[in-house]
Amino acid sequence: MNYPKQYETYFLTKDNKKITIRPLKTTDEHLLKDLYYSLDKQSMYFRFCEVGRNFCDTVIQQEVNIDYHNIFCLCALVGEISNKEMVGTAGFYLNPNTNTAEFSFVVKKLWRNKGIGQYLLHHLIMIANEKGIKGFYGTIHFQNKNTIHIIKKSGYTKVSPPEVGEKELFFELFFEKE
């Protein structure tokens, strides 16, 4: 599928910083790798359920080689063309059997609480709606209060508490009331 330029946009943060929001490209490999390696231990654990993950070229290539239909990822960029920095990313991975998609996102610590994560989620919801997807699902560490808050205020949600001994909540976010 061709690059979907129609989903490129800008977002102005709460402190008036201009963020470029656009679909991830294969050429973003080094920016994505830099973002992931910049995460502190807690952020890495909350996003990947492990610390010290190795983001080799093969792993990153799997994340940037997307089809923009079954797999769709957005990135949040700051800086000039010659000096771009990826400060966030969000994506969905369609399960055609349920017509819902697994959702995940991460925003660099210095760029949090500026509305970027929520904007990425809402932009992905708009895209998923256009593609006929009925909702998102995923898991969140129960201590990841910011993500839980963003998910809960983004649609019709159902959050299941963790099983005994587990640390992750399961969420479902539907775009329309069922």
C-alpha atoms as a PDB file:
ATOM      1  CA  MET A   1       0.000   0.000   0.000  1.00  0.00           C
ATOM      2  CA  ASN A   2       1.184   3.522  -0.726  1.00  0.00           C
ATOM      3  CA  TYR A   3       2.199   5.887   2.048  1.00  0.00           C
ATOM      4  CA  PRO A   4      -1.015   7.516   3.391  1.00  0.00           C
ATOM      5  CA  LYS A   5      -0.013  11.186   3.311  1.00  0.00           C
ATOM      6  CA  GLN A   6      -3.596  12.227   4.148  1.00  0.00           C
ATOM      7  CA  TYR A   7      -2.967  11.282   7.796  1.00  0.00           C
ATOM      8  CA  GLU A   8      -0.104  13.738   8.246  1.00  0.00           C
ATOM      9  CA  THR A   9      -0.982  16.550  10.637  1.00  0.00           C
ATOM     10  CA  TYR A  10       0.411  18.814  13.329  1.00  0.00           C
ATOM     11  CA  PHE A  11      -0.349  19.028  17.001  1.00  0.00           C
ATOM     12  CA  LEU A  12       0.297  21.971  19.290  1.00  0.00           C
ATOM     13  CA  THR A  13       1.175  20.840  22.817  1.00  0.00           C
ATOM     14  CA  LYS A  14      -0.164  22.444  25.971  1.00  0.00           C
ATOM     15  CA  ASP A  15       3.048  24.484  26.115  1.00  0.00           C
ATOM     16  CA  ASN A  16       2.823  25.557  22.429  1.00  0.00           C
ATOM     17  CA  LYS A  17       5.391  23.174  20.923  1.00  0.00           C
ATOM     18  CA  LYS A  18       4.611  22.100  17.355  1.00  0.00           C
ATOM     19  CA  ILE A  19       4.655  18.321  16.881  1.00  0.00           C
ATOM     20  CA  THR A  20       4.503  16.641  13.477  1.00  0.00           C
ATOM     21  CA  ILE A  21       2.195  13.630  13.570  1.00  0.00           C
ATOM     22  CA  ARG A  22       2.455  11.269  10.622  1.00  0.00           C
ATOM     23  CA  PRO A  23       2.397   7.608   9.628  1.00  0.00           C
ATOM     24  CA  LEU A  24       5.632   5.776  10.322  1.00  0.00           C
ATOM     25  CA  LYS A  25       7.888   5.196   7.298  1.00  0.00           C
ATOM     26  CA  THR A  26      10.555   2.576   6.688  1.00  0.00           C
ATOM     27  CA  THR A  27      13.088   5.416   6.693  1.00  0.00           C
ATOM     28  CA  ASP A  28      12.190   6.133  10.357  1.00  0.00           C
ATOM     29  CA  GLU A  29      14.104   3.069  11.545  1.00  0.00           C
ATOM     30  CA  HIS A  30      16.924   5.020  13.242  1.00  0.00           C
ATOM     31  CA  LEU A  31      14.492   7.518  14.839  1.00  0.00           C
ATOM     32  CA  LEU A  32      12.384   4.696  16.298  1.00  0.00           C
ATOM     33  CA  LYS A  33      15.466   2.904  17.594  1.00  0.00           C
ATOM     34  CA  ASP A  34      16.670   6.152  19.229  1.00  0.00           C
ATOM     35  CA  LEU A  35      13.258   6.624  20.866  1.00  0.00           C
ATOM     36  CA  TYR A  36      13.196   3.091  22.277  1.00  0.00           C
ATOM     37  CA  TYR A  37      16.769   3.267  23.590  1.00  0.00           C
ATOM     38  CA  SER A  38      16.014   6.631  25.223  1.00  0.00           C
ATOM     39  CA  LEU A  39      13.279   5.129  27.422  1.00  0.00           C
ATOM     40  CA  ASP A  40      14.024   4.837  31.117  1.00  0.00           C
ATOM     41  CA  LYS A  41      13.685   1.408  32.762  1.00  0.00           C
ATOM     42  CA  GLN A  42      10.140   1.972  33.990  1.00  0.00           C
ATOM     43  CA  SER A  43       8.918   3.251  30.615  1.00  0.00           C
ATOM     44  CA  MET A  44      10.569   0.338  28.846  1.00  0.00           C
ATOM     45  CA  TYR A  45       8.947  -2.104  31.263  1.00  0.00           C
ATOM     46  CA  PHE A  46       5.524  -0.487  30.934  1.00  0.00           C
ATOM     47  CA  ARG A  47       5.734  -0.548  27.105  1.00  0.00           C
ATOM     48  CA  PHE A  48       7.480  -3.882  26.454  1.00  0.00           C
ATOM     49  CA  CYS A  49       6.983  -5.789  29.758  1.00  0.00           C
ATOM     50  CA  GLU A  50      10.732  -6.173  30.051  1.00  0.00           C
ATOM     51  CA  VAL A  51      13.807  -4.066  30.792  1.00  0.00           C
ATOM     52  CA  GLY A  52      16.996  -4.070  28.766  1.00  0.00           C
ATOM     53  CA  ARG A  53      15.356  -5.192  25.567  1.00  0.00           C
ATOM     54  CA  ASN A  54      17.648  -5.325  22.553  1.00  0.00           C
ATOM     55  CA  PHE A  55      16.293  -3.361  19.618  1.00  0.00           C
ATOM     56  CA  CYS A  56      18.393  -4.911  16.879  1.00  0.00           C
ATOM     57  CA  ASP A  57      17.835  -3.938  13.270  1.00  0.00           C
ATOM     58  CA  THR A  58      15.586  -6.952  12.657  1.00  0.00           C
ATOM     59  CA  VAL A  59      13.227  -5.987  15.519  1.00  0.00           C
ATOM     60  CA  ILE A  60      13.021  -2.349  14.415  1.00  0.00           C
ATOM     61  CA  GLN A  61      12.558  -3.290  10.745  1.00  0.00           C
ATOM     62  CA  GLN A  62       9.512  -5.372  11.728  1.00  0.00           C
ATOM     63  CA  GLU A  63       8.035  -2.259  13.339  1.00  0.00           C
ATOM     64  CA  VAL A  64       8.651   0.104  10.411  1.00  0.00           C
ATOM     65  CA  ASN A  65       7.756  -2.294   7.562  1.00  0.00           C
ATOM     66  CA  ILE A  66       4.010  -1.826   7.843  1.00  0.00           C
ATOM     67  CA  ASP A  67       1.137  -2.141   5.382  1.00  0.00           C
ATOM     68  CA  TYR A  68      -0.980   0.792   6.671  1.00  0.00           C
ATOM     69  CA  HIS A  69      -4.044  -1.456   6.837  1.00  0.00           C
ATOM     70  CA  ASN A  70      -3.524  -4.442   9.129  1.00  0.00           C
ATOM     71  CA  ILE A  71      -0.656  -2.658  10.847  1.00  0.00           C
ATOM     72  CA  PHE A  72      -0.725   1.108  11.172  1.00  0.00           C
ATOM     73  CA  CYS A  73       1.707   3.211  13.202  1.00  0.00           C
ATOM     74  CA  LEU A  74       1.964   6.929  13.792  1.00  0.00           C
ATOM     75  CA  CYS A  75       4.952   8.858  15.052  1.00  0.00           C
ATOM     76  CA  ALA A  76       5.327  12.201  16.802  1.00  0.00           C
ATOM     77  CA  LEU A  77       8.316  14.227  15.619  1.00  0.00           C
ATOM     78  CA  VAL A  78       9.988  17.449  16.721  1.00  0.00           C
ATOM     79  CA  GLY A  79      12.821  19.422  15.163  1.00  0.00           C
ATOM     80  CA  GLU A  80      13.837  20.514  11.708  1.00  0.00           C
ATOM     81  CA  ILE A  81      14.085  18.184   8.720  1.00  0.00           C
ATOM     82  CA  SER A  82      17.825  17.665   9.180  1.00  0.00           C
ATOM     83  CA  ASN A  83      17.521  17.169  12.942  1.00  0.00           C
ATOM     84  CA  LYS A  84      14.261  15.284  13.631  1.00  0.00           C
ATOM     85  CA  GLU A  85      13.635  13.521  16.926  1.00  0.00           C
ATOM     86  CA  MET A  86      10.871  10.978  17.487  1.00  0.00           C
ATOM     87  CA  VAL A  87       9.195  11.724  20.824  1.00  0.00           C
ATOM     88  CA  GLY A  88       6.333   9.261  20.580  1.00  0.00           C
ATOM     89  CA  THR A  89       4.779   6.474  18.600  1.00  0.00           C
ATOM     90  CA  ALA A  90       1.465   4.640  18.583  1.00  0.00           C
ATOM     91  CA  GLY A  91       0.187   1.782  16.524  1.00  0.00           C
ATOM     92  CA  PHE A  92      -2.494  -0.799  15.990  1.00  0.00           C
ATOM     93  CA  TYR A  93      -2.287  -4.394  14.810  1.00  0.00           C
ATOM     94  CA  LEU A  94      -5.542  -5.697  13.334  1.00  0.00           C
ATOM     95  CA  ASN A  95      -7.018  -9.031  14.357  1.00  0.00           C
ATOM     96  CA  PRO A  96      -9.271  -9.772  11.356  1.00  0.00           C
ATOM     97  CA  ASN A  97     -11.141 -12.496  13.281  1.00  0.00           C
ATOM     98  CA  THR A  98     -12.585  -9.941  15.712  1.00  0.00           C
ATOM     99  CA  ASN A  99     -12.225  -6.778  13.608  1.00  0.00           C
ATOM    100  CA  THR A 100     -10.479  -5.190  16.578  1.00  0.00           C
ATOM    101  CA  ALA A 101      -6.844  -4.194  16.845  1.00  0.00           C
ATOM    102  CA  GLU A 102      -4.205  -4.442  19.526  1.00  0.00           C
ATOM    103  CA  PHE A 103      -3.069  -0.942  20.436  1.00  0.00           C
ATOM    104  CA  SER A 104       0.141   0.306  22.022  1.00  0.00           C
ATOM    105  CA  PHE A 105       1.925   3.603  22.392  1.00  0.00           C
ATOM    106  CA  VAL A 106       4.816   5.294  24.132  1.00  0.00           C
ATOM    107  CA  VAL A 107       5.845   8.918  24.610  1.00  0.00           C
ATOM    108  CA  LYS A 108       9.333   9.982  25.675  1.00  0.00           C
ATOM    109  CA  LYS A 109       9.380  10.981  29.349  1.00  0.00           C
ATOM    110  CA  LEU A 110      10.340  14.641  28.758  1.00  0.00           C
ATOM    111  CA  TRP A 111       7.382  14.997  26.371  1.00  0.00           C
ATOM    112  CA  ARG A 112       4.676  13.489  28.568  1.00  0.00           C
ATOM    113  CA  ASN A 113       1.723  15.366  30.070  1.00  0.00           C
ATOM    114  CA  LYS A 114       1.550  17.572  26.982  1.00  0.00           C
ATOM    115  CA  GLY A 115      -1.339  15.758  25.294  1.00  0.00           C
ATOM    116  CA  ILE A 116       0.776  13.838  22.748  1.00  0.00           C
ATOM    117  CA  GLY A 117      -0.274  10.325  23.819  1.00  0.00           C
ATOM    118  CA  GLN A 118      -3.933  11.256  23.847  1.00  0.00           C
ATOM    119  CA  TYR A 119      -3.649  12.956  20.454  1.00  0.00           C
ATOM    120  CA  LEU A 120      -1.899   9.917  18.934  1.00  0.00           C
ATOM    121  CA  LEU A 121      -4.642   7.655  20.287  1.00  0.00           C
ATOM    122  CA  HIS A 122      -7.457   9.859  18.966  1.00  0.00           C
ATOM    123  CA  HIS A 123      -5.801  10.176  15.558  1.00  0.00           C
ATOM    124  CA  LEU A 124      -5.457   6.369  15.392  1.00  0.00           C
ATOM    125  CA  ILE A 125      -9.103   5.954  16.419  1.00  0.00           C
ATOM    126  CA  MET A 126     -10.119   8.208  13.494  1.00  0.00           C
ATOM    127  CA  ILE A 127      -7.979   6.141  11.107  1.00  0.00           C
ATOM    128  CA  ALA A 128      -9.281   2.829  12.480  1.00  0.00           C
ATOM    129  CA  ASN A 129     -12.875   4.079  12.152  1.00  0.00           C
ATOM    130  CA  GLU A 130     -12.253   4.900   8.485  1.00  0.00           C
ATOM    131  CA  LYS A 131     -10.984   1.351   8.006  1.00  0.00           C
ATOM    132  CA  GLY A 132     -14.089  -0.112   9.664  1.00  0.00           C
ATOM    133  CA  ILE A 133     -12.295  -1.400  12.759  1.00  0.00           C
ATOM    134  CA  LYS A 134     -14.631  -1.515  15.771  1.00  0.00           C
ATOM    135  CA  GLY A 135     -12.172  -1.076  18.638  1.00  0.00           C
ATOM    136  CA  PHE A 136      -8.784  -1.500  20.271  1.00  0.00           C
ATOM    137  CA  TYR A 137      -7.570  -3.844  22.984  1.00  0.00           C
ATOM    138  CA  GLY A 138      -4.362  -4.467  24.885  1.00  0.00           C
ATOM    139  CA  THR A 139      -2.689  -4.871  28.234  1.00  0.00           C
ATOM    140  CA  ILE A 140      -1.425  -2.187  30.603  1.00  0.00           C
ATOM    141  CA  HIS A 141       0.691  -2.581  33.717  1.00  0.00           C
ATOM    142  CA  PHE A 142      -1.562  -1.761  36.673  1.00  0.00           C
ATOM    143  CA  GLN A 143       0.904   0.911  37.904  1.00  0.00           C
ATOM    144  CA  ASN A 144       0.841   2.747  34.569  1.00  0.00           C
ATOM    145  CA  LYS A 145      -1.764   5.260  35.746  1.00  0.00           C
ATOM    146  CA  ASN A 146      -1.222   7.785  32.927  1.00  0.00           C
ATOM    147  CA  THR A 147      -1.935   5.235  30.214  1.00  0.00           C
ATOM    148  CA  ILE A 148      -4.935   3.854  32.078  1.00  0.00           C
ATOM    149  CA  HIS A 149      -6.306   7.408  32.366  1.00  0.00           C
ATOM    150  CA  ILE A 150      -5.797   8.107  28.631  1.00  0.00           C
ATOM    151  CA  ILE A 151      -7.475   4.833  27.638  1.00  0.00           C
ATOM    152  CA  LYS A 152     -10.436   5.294  29.996  1.00  0.00           C
ATOM    153  CA  LYS A 153     -11.301   8.742  28.671  1.00  0.00           C
ATOM    154  CA  SER A 154     -11.000   7.820  24.984  1.00  0.00           C
ATOM    155  CA  GLY A 155     -14.196   5.932  24.260  1.00  0.00           C
ATOM    156  CA  TYR A 156     -16.372   3.165  25.572  1.00  0.00           C
ATOM    157  CA  THR A 157     -13.922   1.176  27.642  1.00  0.00           C
ATOM    158  CA  LYS A 158     -13.916  -2.002  29.613  1.00  0.00           C
ATOM    159  CA  VAL A 159     -10.922  -2.556  31.870  1.00  0.00           C
ATOM    160  CA  SER A 160     -10.520  -5.965  33.495  1.00  0.00           C
ATOM    161  CA  PRO A 161      -8.452  -6.175  36.677  1.00  0.00           C
ATOM    162  CA  PRO A 162      -5.361  -8.378  36.661  1.00  0.00           C
ATOM    163  CA  GLU A 163      -5.620 -12.041  37.561  1.00  0.00           C
ATOM    164  CA  VAL A 164      -4.284 -12.987  40.981  1.00  0.00           C
ATOM    165  CA  GLY A 165      -0.507 -12.655  40.873  1.00  0.00           C
ATOM    166  CA  GLU A 166      -0.543 -10.787  37.553  1.00  0.00           C
ATOM    167  CA  LYS A 167       0.431  -7.146  37.040  1.00  0.00           C
ATOM    168  CA  GLU A 168      -1.371  -6.298  33.828  1.00  0.00           C
ATOM    169  CA  LEU A 169      -4.884  -5.056  33.173  1.00  0.00           C
ATOM    170  CA  PHE A 170      -6.671  -6.018  29.979  1.00  0.00           C
ATOM    171  CA  PHE A 171      -8.534  -3.208  28.256  1.00  0.00           C
ATOM    172  CA  GLU A 172     -11.012  -2.987  25.443  1.00  0.00           C
ATOM    173  CA  LEU A 173     -11.830   0.368  23.881  1.00  0.00           C
ATOM    174  CA  PHE A 174     -14.826   0.447  21.563  1.00  0.00           C
ATOM    175  CA  PHE A 175     -15.472   3.352  19.217  1.00  0.00           C
ATOM    176  CA  GLU A 176     -19.247   2.999  19.487  1.00  0.00           C
ATOM    177  CA  LYS A 177     -21.440   1.866  22.345  1.00  0.00           C
ATOM    178  CA  GLU A 178     -22.181  -1.832  22.044  1.00  0.00           C
END
